[in-house]
Structure formats: C-alpha cells, structure tokens
Amino acid sequence: MVVGDVSTGTELAIIGAGPGGYVAAIRAGQLGLDVTLIEKDAWGGTCLNYGCIPSKALITATDVGYEADTAEEMGIHADVKVDVDQMTTWKDGVVDQLTSGVEKLCKANGVNLVEGVAEFESENKLRVAHGGDGQGSETIEFENAIIATGSRPIEVPGFEYDGEHVLSSRDVLDLDRVPESMVVVGGGYIGMELSTVLAKMGCDVTVVEMLDDILAGYEEDVTSVVRQNAEDLGIDFRFGEAASDWEKRDGDIVVTTENEDGEEFQYATEKAFVAVGRQPVLDTLNLDAIGLEPNEDGHLETDKQAQTDVAGVYAIGDVATGPMLAHKASKEGQVAAEAIAGEPAALDYQAVPAAVFTDPEIGTVGMTEQEAEDAGFSPAVGNFPMRASGRSLTTGNDDGFVRIVADEDSGFILGAQIVGPEASELVAELGLAIEMGATLEDVAATIHTHPTLSEAVMEAAEHALGHAIHTLNR
C-alpha cells in the first residue's frame, strides 16, 4: 500500500531512539509535551540492540563458562562446552525484552512513534522517509527538536566492513560460531571487551594497537592489571603497529601492519575485527537546512541545557560534545526534555562515571591525581588493594585496587579509579560522594557491610586519612 506524503505537527520531535532519545521522549511525555520519536532502525538504538546490552550479555556468559572451567582450585572440575547458538538465543532474548520494553514505555507515556529516516527541511520542519517500497514520506512541523542520532564505527581505509572477513563490533556480536583466530585492530574499550569474550570462547586473539598500550586515557597502573590478565588469557599484543592492508590467502586472510619506521608485519588469521572508535552520525540530517555545523571533532556544541546554537534545536548523546556514554546521553535527554518543558534543568558533568567491562573491570569517576594537581588542588590519595579484601579473595578474583583522590585541605572527594571485580558497580558510591560534596571522613565513617567488595571503598578512604586498618599507612 502506498501511504504517500502526509503532514503532521508536534511540540517536540526527537530524532533517534537510543538511550538519549527514548529517555528524552519518556520524560517529555511525563511533563505533558506532545512528543514524536523518530527511529530509522530499532527502538533502543545501538546501545540496546548492537552495543552495551548484547556485549555485556556475552561477557557474562563467557565469564560463567571461563570461571567454571578454571575453578579447580576451589574443588570444582568442569568440562565446559560453549553452545554458540544457545548463547546467541539467550543474548537476543535479553535484547528483545529490553527493546520491547522501550516501545511499551514510550507508548504508555503518550509518545508518538515514527519509523523512518529524518532530515531537516527548515528550522521547524523535518522530512521523514519511511522504510520499504511505497511507504512514502512524512513532513513533521515541530516547535522543538532533539538530535539523538548516536554514532557509527569508524572504518580504517582499506578495511571496509564486509561482515565476512573484516568485522565491525556488531558483526562480532552476531557470530554464529567461534572463529579459530581473530586479529583485533584497536586496543580501546570495545576492542578489549570483545577480545576478552573471544579469548574466553577459545579464539586465538591478536590485538594490534598503534599506541604503546591499551585503553588510551587510563592510567598505566589501571591498564597494566587488565593487560596482564588479557595476556594470561592468551591474548597477544602488538603495540606500535597500525593496520595497513589485508588480503585473502588459503581460505583465511593475512593482515599487514606497519610501525612508525615503516617496517611491515603480517598476521595470518581467520577474520579481522576493526575497533578503532566511533564517530557521530550527523551526515544524514541535512544540517545545512538549519545552519548548524559540527565542530572540528565532528560533534555539536551545546549549552548547559543541551541546546545547540539554533534556538529550539537540542543535541544529546554521542552527537554532542563529551564522552560517548549511554548514561551521559540519558541524562542529557532528561535535562533537554525538562528545559523544553520549562523546568529549571541544567547539566552537571562533574561526576560522570565510566566503566570498561574487561577482566577485571575498570570503573572511574571524576579526577585522577594528576588532573587534581593540574586543577590546582593538593590531592590526598588513598589506595586499597583487592588482594586485601576478604570478599574479593572469596570470589577468586583479587586483582586490582580502589583509589580515591580527594582535596587534602577540605577532604572533598574529587575522583576515583577502581580496577577489580564489580568495579563498574563500586564506582557508583564515589560518583554519589562527588555529587553530594562528601568528604573522605563521610565515606570512611559510613559503615559498610562485611564481607563485601564495597568495604574496599571505605578502606581506601581510611588510607587517605592515614588510619587504614587492613593495609599499611604509607
């Protein structure tokens, strides 16, 4: 059936239904706005469908198998076999449950859902092309718009994704069997998380990274714990090399890399996985129609209410400046929706946590010691090693540490770096501490349950104060 062109109007049009867009839509609906949410692919966006959720499902599944397979010290002997089909079915079920929940929540909050690809026609008008033959298009006149189109993987020249030999992260999450070998191009968080998954499934993994370490931006003592565990899993690292070419050979492929001296190296592998980062999706929006341009980094500049330089047009999530994190996108979406509804909302980025779901996990928030010094603080630093945590030892995972950075004069907590089991969860306590203006004394005086991993947070605060109980005060 040919739907043809139709014209509609809305108070708020949101382009993109990822963790920024759908959260903004629900919050705006709660505040009584007439909201239209436009999505070209799948409700929940990359995060729920092709990123955070399916990758963490596979991380959990492979952790279960690996821990069972390596628990002989605990007296457990298992012959673990990975059923990729069953694992994929379970992972897809998790994704389906969450994405269907997004659709239901949007509808329950009065959000009008539109499927199609949107582009601006003017500062108050969008054109939405519906998918499929003969589905027509739709013109939507809006009072305000939120751009939440997210990001896509960056391709390396010569390594265009073909889904067979050269894979994107989405391709890796949809593998129907475990490859014999994989060259992973890029040692960032996506490359390291999925390298760990592949290694635990029995794949022979080589990580090629042009820098001299993994996880750029994290401190060396944080990355060294993760790198050592990855090497123990059998992952081979090749630092200082950049992927330059690949070719088919004898049923497999050969990836060629090059170091800064021009020396070439070749790695025979079944497949290559390119994970060198992501870039904002803005080229589909016809931003020229509203006079909006990305900055030099390819992002849209926004103010404290997520509004761009164009009145009534907001940008959130991966398209806006700042880290590409789902929880940042969600908070920006809430603030933008509240600002549009006339609420006194503003963004505060002082305590944005970040997590890497490697083995062990990394959780960070706020400033590092160096950043605190650079900002003019005299930092007081407290550490607590996970090997001194009773609960950590009982889990069989005692690598890593908790570090708290505070202002020595006031005691206010400025930041934290955690590497160890459940670091992604533990860092939330210190994010709340920063947000509330808590001091080292506040955290140290808070009675923590024993035996838990969170005791390490209290112990690190006590160490910064010079009265640690379970470590030496030095």
Protein backbone atom coordinates (compact mmCIF):
# COMPACT_ATOMS: atom_id res chain seq x y z
CA MET A 1 0.00 0.00 0.00
CA VAL A 2 1.31 3.42 -0.86
CA VAL A 3 0.98 5.70 2.14
CA GLY A 4 2.14 8.81 0.29
CA ASP A 5 3.14 12.13 1.81
CA VAL A 6 1.41 13.36 4.93
CA SER A 7 1.97 16.38 7.16
CA THR A 8 1.81 16.34 10.94
CA GLY A 9 2.80 18.63 13.79
CA THR A 10 4.35 18.10 17.21
CA GLU A 11 5.66 20.13 20.13
CA LEU A 12 8.84 18.05 20.31
CA ALA A 13 10.43 15.91 17.60
CA ILE A 14 13.24 13.60 18.69
CA ILE A 15 15.47 12.00 16.06
CA GLY A 16 16.90 8.73 17.32
CA ALA A 17 15.51 6.27 19.88
CA GLY A 18 18.70 5.23 21.67
CA PRO A 19 19.33 5.73 25.42
CA GLY A 20 19.34 9.50 24.91
CA GLY A 21 16.37 9.82 22.59
CA TYR A 22 13.91 7.43 24.18
CA VAL A 23 14.68 8.71 27.69
CA ALA A 24 14.09 12.28 26.49
CA ALA A 25 10.82 11.18 24.88
CA ILE A 26 9.53 9.47 28.02
CA ARG A 27 10.50 12.40 30.27
CA ALA A 28 8.91 14.90 27.88
CA GLY A 29 5.77 12.77 27.78
CA GLN A 30 5.67 12.72 31.58
CA LEU A 31 5.83 16.54 31.54
CA GLY A 32 2.82 16.76 29.25
CA LEU A 33 4.53 17.56 25.95
CA ASP A 34 3.25 16.25 22.64
CA VAL A 35 6.24 14.12 21.54
CA THR A 36 7.16 12.39 18.28
CA LEU A 37 10.08 9.95 18.44
CA ILE A 38 11.63 9.00 15.08
CA GLU A 39 13.83 5.92 14.65
CA LYS A 40 15.29 4.59 11.42
CA ASP A 41 16.38 1.17 12.65
CA ALA A 42 15.48 -0.32 16.03
CA TRP A 43 13.93 1.02 19.27
CA GLY A 44 16.67 1.32 21.85
CA GLY A 45 19.34 2.30 19.31
CA THR A 46 22.86 0.92 19.17
CA CYS A 47 23.16 0.54 22.95
CA LEU A 48 20.30 -1.89 23.43
CA ASN A 49 20.48 -3.65 20.06
CA TYR A 50 24.11 -3.75 18.92
CA GLY A 51 26.28 -2.43 21.73
CA CYS A 52 26.11 -2.25 25.53
CA ILE A 53 23.43 -4.86 26.22
CA PRO A 54 24.38 -7.69 23.80
CA SER A 55 28.09 -7.26 24.55
CA LYS A 56 27.54 -7.41 28.32
CA ALA A 57 25.31 -10.45 27.87
CA LEU A 58 28.13 -12.23 26.04
CA ILE A 59 30.68 -11.05 28.62
CA THR A 60 28.55 -12.54 31.40
CA ALA A 61 28.01 -15.80 29.53
CA THR A 62 31.69 -16.28 28.73
CA ASP A 63 32.65 -15.33 32.29
CA VAL A 64 30.39 -18.10 33.61
CA GLY A 65 32.00 -20.66 31.33
CA TYR A 66 35.55 -19.47 31.98
CA GLU A 67 35.15 -19.38 35.75
CA ALA A 68 33.65 -22.86 35.81
CA ASP A 69 36.46 -24.10 33.61
CA THR A 70 39.16 -22.60 35.83
CA ALA A 71 37.78 -23.29 39.29
CA GLU A 72 39.76 -26.43 40.10
CA GLU A 73 41.47 -24.60 42.96
CA MET A 74 38.01 -24.31 44.52
CA GLY A 75 37.42 -28.01 44.05
CA ILE A 76 35.20 -27.62 41.03
CA HIS A 77 36.03 -29.70 37.97
CA ALA A 78 34.02 -28.98 34.87
CA ASP A 79 34.16 -29.85 31.20
CA VAL A 80 32.72 -26.67 29.77
CA LYS A 81 31.35 -26.62 26.23
CA VAL A 82 30.14 -23.45 24.54
CA ASP A 83 26.90 -23.74 22.56
CA VAL A 84 27.07 -20.58 20.46
CA ASP A 85 23.53 -20.99 19.11
CA GLN A 86 22.06 -21.25 22.61
CA MET A 87 24.20 -18.37 23.87
CA THR A 88 23.04 -16.22 20.95
CA THR A 89 19.41 -17.12 21.58
CA TRP A 90 19.74 -16.10 25.22
CA LYS A 91 21.55 -12.87 24.32
CA ASP A 92 18.92 -11.98 21.71
CA GLY A 93 16.18 -12.70 24.24
CA VAL A 94 17.69 -10.17 26.64
CA VAL A 95 17.84 -7.60 23.83
CA ASP A 96 14.26 -8.31 22.72
CA GLN A 97 12.93 -7.95 26.28
CA LEU A 98 14.57 -4.56 26.71
CA THR A 99 13.74 -3.12 23.29
CA SER A 100 10.10 -4.17 23.52
CA GLY A 101 10.05 -2.54 26.95
CA VAL A 102 11.26 0.74 25.44
CA GLU A 103 8.45 0.71 22.90
CA LYS A 104 5.84 -0.03 25.59
CA LEU A 105 7.16 2.67 27.92
CA CYS A 106 7.14 5.26 25.16
CA LYS A 107 3.57 4.43 24.20
CA ALA A 108 2.47 4.40 27.85
CA ASN A 109 3.82 7.95 28.18
CA GLY A 110 1.94 9.15 25.12
CA VAL A 111 4.93 9.24 22.77
CA ASN A 112 4.10 9.03 19.06
CA LEU A 113 6.50 6.54 17.43
CA VAL A 114 7.50 7.05 13.80
CA GLU A 115 9.78 4.73 11.83
CA GLY A 116 11.92 6.33 9.14
CA VAL A 117 14.95 8.42 8.27
CA ALA A 118 14.63 12.08 9.25
CA GLU A 119 16.30 15.16 7.81
CA PHE A 120 15.74 18.86 8.37
CA GLU A 121 13.89 20.90 5.78
CA SER A 122 13.97 24.10 7.83
CA GLU A 123 14.35 25.29 11.44
CA ASN A 124 10.89 23.99 12.29
CA LYS A 125 10.27 21.23 9.79
CA LEU A 126 11.52 17.64 9.31
CA ARG A 127 11.13 15.28 6.39
CA VAL A 128 10.83 11.60 7.37
CA ALA A 129 11.29 8.96 4.68
CA HIS A 130 9.57 5.77 5.72
CA GLY A 131 11.28 2.45 5.04
CA GLY A 132 10.18 -0.01 2.36
CA ASP A 133 8.84 0.40 -1.13
CA GLY A 134 5.84 2.65 -1.46
CA GLN A 135 5.80 3.68 2.20
CA GLY A 136 6.05 7.34 1.30
CA SER A 137 7.31 10.13 3.48
CA GLU A 138 6.07 12.45 6.16
CA THR A 139 6.60 16.12 6.93
CA ILE A 140 6.67 16.90 10.65
CA GLU A 141 6.43 20.50 11.80
CA PHE A 142 7.95 20.94 15.26
CA GLU A 143 8.33 23.59 17.94
CA ASN A 144 11.49 21.97 19.35
CA ALA A 145 13.73 19.16 18.15
CA ILE A 146 16.31 16.93 19.82
CA ILE A 147 19.07 15.36 17.71
CA ALA A 148 19.96 11.98 19.20
CA THR A 149 21.25 10.06 16.20
CA GLY A 150 24.17 8.44 18.02
CA SER A 151 27.35 7.18 16.38
CA ARG A 152 28.69 4.56 14.00
CA PRO A 153 32.01 2.60 13.96
CA ILE A 154 34.95 4.32 12.27
CA GLU A 155 36.32 2.42 9.29
CA VAL A 156 40.04 2.10 8.64
CA PRO A 157 40.91 2.82 4.98
CA GLY A 158 41.31 -0.49 3.19
CA PHE A 159 39.42 -2.34 5.95
CA GLU A 160 35.83 -1.65 4.95
CA TYR A 161 33.43 -3.90 6.85
CA ASP A 162 32.21 -6.83 4.76
CA GLY A 163 30.74 -8.95 7.55
CA GLU A 164 32.78 -11.95 6.40
CA HIS A 165 36.49 -11.21 6.65
CA VAL A 166 36.53 -7.70 8.16
CA LEU A 167 34.07 -7.32 11.02
CA SER A 168 32.55 -4.45 12.99
CA SER A 169 31.59 -4.81 16.65
CA ARG A 170 28.02 -5.52 15.51
CA ASP A 171 29.29 -8.38 13.35
CA VAL A 172 31.27 -9.84 16.26
CA LEU A 173 28.18 -9.79 18.47
CA ASP A 174 26.29 -11.79 15.83
CA LEU A 175 28.90 -14.50 15.13
CA ASP A 176 27.29 -17.91 14.66
CA ARG A 177 30.44 -19.80 15.65
CA VAL A 178 33.76 -19.15 17.36
CA PRO A 179 36.48 -18.28 14.81
CA GLU A 180 39.78 -20.12 15.09
CA SER A 181 41.63 -16.80 15.15
CA MET A 182 40.96 -13.08 15.11
CA VAL A 183 43.18 -10.03 14.62
CA VAL A 184 41.65 -7.16 16.57
CA VAL A 185 42.62 -3.74 15.24
CA GLY A 186 42.43 -1.32 18.17
CA GLY A 187 43.03 -1.75 21.90
CA GLY A 188 40.33 0.63 23.11
CA TYR A 189 37.43 -0.39 25.32
CA ILE A 190 35.40 -2.05 22.57
CA GLY A 191 38.40 -3.96 21.25
CA MET A 192 39.44 -5.09 24.72
CA GLU A 193 35.96 -6.09 25.91
CA LEU A 194 35.28 -8.24 22.85
CA SER A 195 38.84 -9.58 22.72
CA THR A 196 38.26 -10.92 26.22
CA VAL A 197 34.98 -12.53 25.13
CA LEU A 198 36.61 -14.15 22.10
CA ALA A 199 39.62 -15.42 24.09
CA LYS A 200 37.35 -16.97 26.74
CA MET A 201 35.45 -18.75 23.93
CA GLY A 202 38.66 -20.33 22.69
CA CYS A 203 39.57 -17.97 19.83
CA ASP A 204 43.25 -17.18 19.22
CA VAL A 205 43.31 -13.37 19.57
CA THR A 206 45.98 -10.89 18.46
CA VAL A 207 45.42 -7.21 19.30
CA VAL A 208 47.15 -4.68 17.05
CA GLU A 209 47.39 -1.20 18.59
CA MET A 210 49.25 1.76 17.11
CA LEU A 211 49.89 3.27 20.57
CA ASP A 212 52.18 1.69 23.18
CA ASP A 213 49.41 0.45 25.47
CA ILE A 214 45.73 -0.49 25.59
CA LEU A 215 42.86 1.72 26.78
CA ALA A 216 44.25 5.17 25.98
CA GLY A 217 43.30 7.76 28.57
CA TYR A 218 43.52 5.45 31.57
CA GLU A 219 46.48 5.48 33.95
CA GLU A 220 49.22 2.91 33.45
CA ASP A 221 48.65 1.12 36.76
CA VAL A 222 44.99 0.67 35.77
CA THR A 223 45.65 -0.67 32.28
CA SER A 224 48.52 -2.92 33.42
CA VAL A 225 46.15 -5.04 35.51
CA VAL A 226 43.82 -5.55 32.55
CA ARG A 227 46.68 -6.13 30.10
CA GLN A 228 48.30 -8.75 32.33
CA ASN A 229 45.04 -10.66 32.73
CA ALA A 230 44.45 -10.49 28.98
CA GLU A 231 47.92 -11.90 28.35
CA ASP A 232 47.16 -14.67 30.85
CA LEU A 233 44.10 -15.48 28.72
CA GLY A 234 46.43 -15.90 25.76
CA ILE A 235 45.78 -12.58 24.01
CA ASP A 236 48.86 -11.47 22.04
CA PHE A 237 49.54 -7.72 21.88
CA ARG A 238 51.38 -5.96 19.06
CA PHE A 239 51.94 -2.34 20.09
CA GLY A 240 53.25 0.45 17.89
CA GLU A 241 51.74 -1.04 14.74
CA ALA A 242 48.96 0.29 12.51
CA ALA A 243 46.90 -1.96 10.21
CA SER A 244 47.68 -1.04 6.61
CA ASP A 245 46.30 -3.78 4.36
CA TRP A 246 44.77 -7.24 4.19
CA GLU A 247 44.38 -9.96 1.58
CA LYS A 248 42.78 -13.37 1.21
CA ARG A 249 45.15 -16.30 1.37
CA ASP A 250 44.40 -20.04 1.50
CA GLY A 251 40.88 -19.60 2.84
CA ASP A 252 41.93 -17.22 5.60
CA ILE A 253 43.25 -13.67 5.44
CA VAL A 254 46.58 -12.01 6.14
CA VAL A 255 46.60 -8.64 7.89
CA THR A 256 49.57 -6.39 7.24
CA THR A 257 50.66 -3.80 9.80
CA GLU A 258 53.31 -1.14 9.77
CA ASN A 259 55.27 0.56 12.56
CA GLU A 260 56.45 4.18 12.58
CA ASP A 261 59.74 3.16 10.96
CA GLY A 262 57.90 1.68 8.00
CA GLU A 263 58.67 -1.91 8.99
CA GLU A 264 55.89 -4.31 7.96
CA PHE A 265 54.48 -7.30 9.84
CA GLN A 266 51.96 -9.88 8.67
CA TYR A 267 49.45 -11.90 10.69
CA ALA A 268 47.51 -14.83 9.23
CA THR A 269 44.04 -15.03 10.74
CA GLU A 270 40.54 -16.26 10.00
CA LYS A 271 38.95 -12.85 10.50
CA ALA A 272 39.82 -9.26 11.40
CA PHE A 273 37.79 -7.13 13.81
CA VAL A 274 38.28 -3.37 13.43
CA ALA A 275 37.57 -1.41 16.62
CA VAL A 276 39.27 1.96 16.35
CA GLY A 277 36.46 4.10 17.70
CA ARG A 278 33.14 5.64 16.75
CA GLN A 279 32.03 8.85 15.04
CA PRO A 280 28.81 10.89 15.41
CA VAL A 281 26.05 10.30 12.86
CA LEU A 282 25.21 13.78 11.58
CA ASP A 283 25.60 13.42 7.82
CA THR A 284 22.05 12.13 7.31
CA LEU A 285 20.32 15.15 8.87
CA ASN A 286 20.81 17.90 6.25
CA LEU A 287 22.06 20.26 8.96
CA ASP A 288 22.68 22.93 6.32
CA ALA A 289 18.93 23.49 6.24
CA ILE A 290 19.07 24.88 9.78
CA GLY A 291 22.52 26.47 9.59
CA LEU A 292 24.11 24.08 12.08
CA GLU A 293 27.68 22.78 11.72
CA PRO A 294 29.68 20.22 13.72
CA ASN A 295 32.87 21.38 15.42
CA GLU A 296 36.37 20.18 14.41
CA ASP A 297 35.83 16.93 16.31
CA GLY A 298 32.61 16.23 14.43
CA HIS A 299 30.31 16.92 17.40
CA LEU A 300 27.64 19.55 18.01
CA GLU A 301 28.39 22.20 20.63
CA THR A 302 25.65 22.60 23.25
CA ASP A 303 24.94 24.70 26.33
CA LYS A 304 24.05 23.55 29.87
CA GLN A 305 20.56 22.61 28.71
CA ALA A 306 21.83 20.67 25.65
CA GLN A 307 20.65 23.36 23.23
CA THR A 308 22.67 23.98 20.08
CA ASP A 309 23.39 27.36 18.51
CA VAL A 310 19.99 27.09 16.77
CA ALA A 311 17.10 28.09 19.02
CA GLY A 312 14.79 25.17 19.72
CA VAL A 313 17.22 22.52 18.41
CA TYR A 314 18.96 20.39 21.03
CA ALA A 315 21.67 17.70 20.73
CA ILE A 316 22.34 14.85 23.14
CA GLY A 317 24.45 11.71 23.43
CA ASP A 318 27.20 10.75 21.02
CA VAL A 319 26.47 13.64 18.63
CA ALA A 320 27.08 16.20 21.39
CA THR A 321 30.45 17.12 22.87
CA GLY A 322 31.81 14.96 25.69
CA PRO A 323 32.36 11.25 26.19
CA MET A 324 30.29 8.74 24.20
CA LEU A 325 28.50 7.10 27.11
CA ALA A 326 24.93 5.84 27.25
CA HIS A 327 24.31 7.23 30.75
CA LYS A 328 25.58 10.67 29.68
CA ALA A 329 23.12 10.54 26.77
CA SER A 330 20.24 9.60 29.06
CA LYS A 331 20.96 12.44 31.49
CA GLU A 332 21.28 14.93 28.65
CA GLY A 333 17.96 13.68 27.29
CA GLN A 334 16.24 14.22 30.64
CA VAL A 335 17.67 17.72 31.00
CA ALA A 336 16.76 18.70 27.42
CA ALA A 337 13.20 17.45 27.87
CA GLU A 338 12.81 19.32 31.17
CA ALA A 339 14.30 22.52 29.72
CA ILE A 340 11.88 22.37 26.78
CA ALA A 341 9.01 21.88 29.22
CA GLY A 342 10.10 24.99 31.10
CA GLU A 343 11.62 23.20 34.09
CA PRO A 344 14.77 24.66 35.77
CA ALA A 345 17.10 21.93 34.48
CA ALA A 346 20.83 22.12 33.74
CA LEU A 347 23.64 19.66 33.05
CA ASP A 348 26.39 19.00 35.60
CA TYR A 349 29.28 16.86 34.35
CA GLN A 350 31.43 16.85 37.49
CA ALA A 351 30.68 13.21 38.25
CA VAL A 352 30.24 11.24 35.01
CA PRO A 353 31.37 7.66 35.68
CA ALA A 354 32.93 5.45 33.04
CA ALA A 355 33.28 1.68 33.01
CA VAL A 356 35.16 -0.85 30.92
CA PHE A 357 33.85 -4.41 31.17
CA THR A 358 37.14 -6.20 30.77
CA ASP A 359 38.51 -8.83 33.14
CA PRO A 360 38.85 -7.29 35.65
CA GLU A 361 36.52 -4.36 35.17
CA ILE A 362 37.51 -0.70 35.30
CA GLY A 363 35.36 1.98 36.91
CA THR A 364 36.37 5.64 37.08
CA VAL A 365 34.73 8.92 38.04
CA GLY A 366 35.94 12.48 38.49
CA MET A 367 39.61 13.44 38.57
CA THR A 368 42.81 11.44 38.62
CA GLU A 369 45.61 12.54 40.96
CA GLN A 370 47.36 14.31 38.07
CA GLU A 371 44.19 16.04 36.96
CA ALA A 372 43.61 17.22 40.52
CA GLU A 373 47.12 18.67 40.66
CA ASP A 374 46.63 20.33 37.28
CA ALA A 375 43.41 21.88 38.58
CA GLY A 376 45.29 23.45 41.50
CA PHE A 377 44.34 21.01 44.25
CA SER A 378 46.74 19.45 46.72
CA PRO A 379 45.46 15.89 46.40
CA ALA A 380 45.26 13.35 49.20
CA VAL A 381 45.25 9.83 47.75
CA GLY A 382 44.11 6.60 49.38
CA ASN A 383 44.58 3.10 47.98
CA PHE A 384 43.30 -0.32 48.88
CA PRO A 385 44.43 -3.47 47.04
CA MET A 386 41.78 -6.05 46.21
CA ARG A 387 44.09 -8.81 47.47
CA ALA A 388 43.49 -7.39 50.98
CA SER A 389 39.70 -7.64 50.57
CA GLY A 390 38.21 -10.72 52.21
CA ARG A 391 35.25 -10.71 49.83
CA SER A 392 37.48 -10.31 46.78
CA LEU A 393 39.52 -13.33 47.83
CA THR A 394 36.37 -15.42 48.28
CA THR A 395 35.36 -14.70 44.69
CA GLY A 396 38.68 -15.93 43.37
CA ASN A 397 39.26 -12.54 41.72
CA ASP A 398 41.70 -10.43 43.72
CA ASP A 399 43.46 -8.39 41.04
CA GLY A 400 43.22 -4.62 41.14
CA PHE A 401 42.66 -1.82 43.60
CA VAL A 402 40.46 1.07 44.71
CA ARG A 403 41.99 4.54 44.64
CA ILE A 404 40.33 7.68 45.95
CA VAL A 405 41.54 11.18 45.15
CA ALA A 406 40.47 13.99 47.49
CA ASP A 407 41.34 17.59 48.24
CA GLU A 408 43.81 17.45 51.16
CA ASP A 409 42.63 20.75 52.64
CA SER A 410 38.88 20.20 52.62
CA GLY A 411 38.67 16.41 52.33
CA PHE A 412 36.19 16.71 49.45
CA ILE A 413 36.36 13.69 47.18
CA LEU A 414 37.45 14.65 43.67
CA GLY A 415 37.70 11.33 41.87
CA ALA A 416 38.30 7.61 41.98
CA GLN A 417 39.84 4.86 39.88
CA ILE A 418 38.84 1.28 40.51
CA VAL A 419 40.09 -1.82 38.75
CA GLY A 420 38.83 -5.14 40.03
CA PRO A 421 35.72 -7.30 40.32
CA GLU A 422 32.47 -5.31 40.05
CA ALA A 423 34.37 -2.04 39.55
CA SER A 424 31.53 -0.79 37.34
CA GLU A 425 29.18 -1.11 40.33
CA LEU A 426 31.58 0.07 43.06
CA VAL A 427 32.31 3.36 41.32
CA ALA A 428 28.69 4.46 41.80
CA GLU A 429 29.28 5.08 45.53
CA LEU A 430 32.06 7.51 44.74
CA GLY A 431 30.07 9.20 41.99
CA LEU A 432 27.36 9.87 44.57
CA ALA A 433 30.02 11.11 47.01
CA ILE A 434 31.30 13.65 44.47
CA GLU A 435 27.78 14.71 43.51
CA MET A 436 26.85 15.30 47.18
CA GLY A 437 30.13 17.00 48.12
CA ALA A 438 31.04 14.20 50.52
CA THR A 439 34.44 14.10 52.23
CA LEU A 440 36.88 11.30 52.99
CA GLU A 441 35.55 11.33 56.55
CA ASP A 442 31.99 10.82 55.28
CA VAL A 443 32.95 7.71 53.31
CA ALA A 444 35.30 6.36 55.99
CA ALA A 445 32.65 6.83 58.70
CA THR A 446 29.94 5.08 56.68
CA ILE A 447 29.51 1.54 57.97
CA HIS A 448 29.90 -0.86 55.04
CA THR A 449 28.58 -4.41 55.04
CA HIS A 450 31.11 -7.15 55.76
CA PRO A 451 32.24 -9.04 53.80
CA THR A 452 31.63 -7.06 50.63
CA LEU A 453 33.68 -5.57 47.85
CA SER A 454 32.41 -2.13 48.81
CA GLU A 455 34.47 -2.29 52.00
CA ALA A 456 37.45 -1.56 49.75
CA VAL A 457 35.99 1.89 49.09
CA MET A 458 35.80 2.61 52.83
CA GLU A 459 39.31 1.22 53.35
CA ALA A 460 40.73 3.46 50.59
CA ALA A 461 39.15 6.50 52.25
CA GLU A 462 40.66 5.47 55.59
CA HIS A 463 44.04 5.05 53.91
CA ALA A 464 43.85 8.58 52.52
CA LEU A 465 43.17 9.78 56.07
CA GLY A 466 46.17 7.86 57.39
CA HIS A 467 44.32 5.37 59.56
CA ALA A 468 43.81 2.33 57.34
CA ILE A 469 43.09 -0.86 59.30
CA HIS A 470 43.77 -3.63 56.78
CA THR A 471 46.73 -2.10 54.92
CA LEU A 472 49.86 -0.30 55.99
CA ASN A 473 49.58 3.50 56.20
CA ARG A 474 52.37 4.63 53.96
